[in-house]
Structures are given as C-alpha cells and as structure tokens.
Amino acid sequence: MGAQRFTPEFKEEAVRQISERGYSVANVSEQLGVSAHSLYK
C-alpha cells in the first residue's frame, strides 16, 4: 500500500488553515480527512 499523495494546493491550504487562521492541527486533520501526523510532516 503506497503513500497517499497530496497536491501542492491541498498542502498549502492545510498549512494556511493552521498558521493564518489559527485552527488546531487536530481540527484541520479531522476536517480534511487526513492524520495529524500527515499535517506535521
């Protein structure tokens, strides 16, 4: 089973939600359907 690939746009939006909008990593990971570990990477 290979690693899931995310588009650059998806990654940028995830980071923007955490850094600019102040959402928690846990909240963003739940909303986007990815693990918190993926967001930290």
C-alpha atoms as a PDB file:
ATOM      1  CA  MET A   1       0.000   0.000   0.000  1.00  0.00           C
ATOM      2  CA  GLY A   2       1.599   3.254  -1.154  1.00  0.00           C
ATOM      3  CA  ALA A   3       1.602   6.618   0.498  1.00  0.00           C
ATOM      4  CA  GLN A   4      -1.234   8.960  -0.399  1.00  0.00           C
ATOM      5  CA  ARG A   5      -0.109  11.935  -2.479  1.00  0.00           C
ATOM      6  CA  PHE A   6      -1.500  15.415  -1.948  1.00  0.00           C
ATOM      7  CA  THR A   7      -1.425  18.293  -4.397  1.00  0.00           C
ATOM      8  CA  PRO A   8       0.650  21.357  -3.568  1.00  0.00           C
ATOM      9  CA  GLU A   9      -2.589  23.356  -3.352  1.00  0.00           C
ATOM     10  CA  PHE A  10      -4.052  20.941  -0.806  1.00  0.00           C
ATOM     11  CA  LYS A  11      -0.901  21.177   1.310  1.00  0.00           C
ATOM     12  CA  GLU A  12      -0.815  24.986   1.114  1.00  0.00           C
ATOM     13  CA  GLU A  13      -4.440  25.281   2.196  1.00  0.00           C
ATOM     14  CA  ALA A  14      -3.890  22.909   5.131  1.00  0.00           C
ATOM     15  CA  VAL A  15      -0.904  24.957   6.319  1.00  0.00           C
ATOM     16  CA  ARG A  16      -2.822  28.203   5.796  1.00  0.00           C
ATOM     17  CA  GLN A  17      -5.690  26.989   7.961  1.00  0.00           C
ATOM     18  CA  ILE A  18      -3.273  26.230  10.800  1.00  0.00           C
ATOM     19  CA  SER A  19      -0.833  29.128  10.545  1.00  0.00           C
ATOM     20  CA  GLU A  20      -3.009  32.011   9.332  1.00  0.00           C
ATOM     21  CA  ARG A  21      -6.485  31.110  10.523  1.00  0.00           C
ATOM     22  CA  GLY A  22      -5.425  29.683  13.865  1.00  0.00           C
ATOM     23  CA  TYR A  23      -7.146  26.304  13.579  1.00  0.00           C
ATOM     24  CA  SER A  24      -5.629  23.425  15.534  1.00  0.00           C
ATOM     25  CA  VAL A  25      -3.829  20.605  13.747  1.00  0.00           C
ATOM     26  CA  ALA A  26      -6.369  18.168  15.192  1.00  0.00           C
ATOM     27  CA  ASN A  27      -9.278  20.193  13.816  1.00  0.00           C
ATOM     28  CA  VAL A  28      -7.768  20.607  10.359  1.00  0.00           C
ATOM     29  CA  SER A  29      -6.832  16.934  10.132  1.00  0.00           C
ATOM     30  CA  GLU A  30     -10.396  15.947  11.013  1.00  0.00           C
ATOM     31  CA  GLN A  31     -11.912  18.402   8.521  1.00  0.00           C
ATOM     32  CA  LEU A  32      -9.628  17.303   5.689  1.00  0.00           C
ATOM     33  CA  GLY A  33      -9.754  13.602   6.472  1.00  0.00           C
ATOM     34  CA  VAL A  34      -6.019  13.169   6.952  1.00  0.00           C
ATOM     35  CA  SER A  35      -3.997  12.184  10.003  1.00  0.00           C
ATOM     36  CA  ALA A  36      -2.426  14.817  12.225  1.00  0.00           C
ATOM     37  CA  HIS A  37       0.887  13.076  11.524  1.00  0.00           C
ATOM     38  CA  SER A  38       0.486  13.864   7.812  1.00  0.00           C
ATOM     39  CA  LEU A  39      -0.010  17.530   8.604  1.00  0.00           C
ATOM     40  CA  TYR A  40       3.084  17.678  10.788  1.00  0.00           C
ATOM     41  CA  LYS A  41       5.141  16.121   8.002  1.00  0.00           C
END
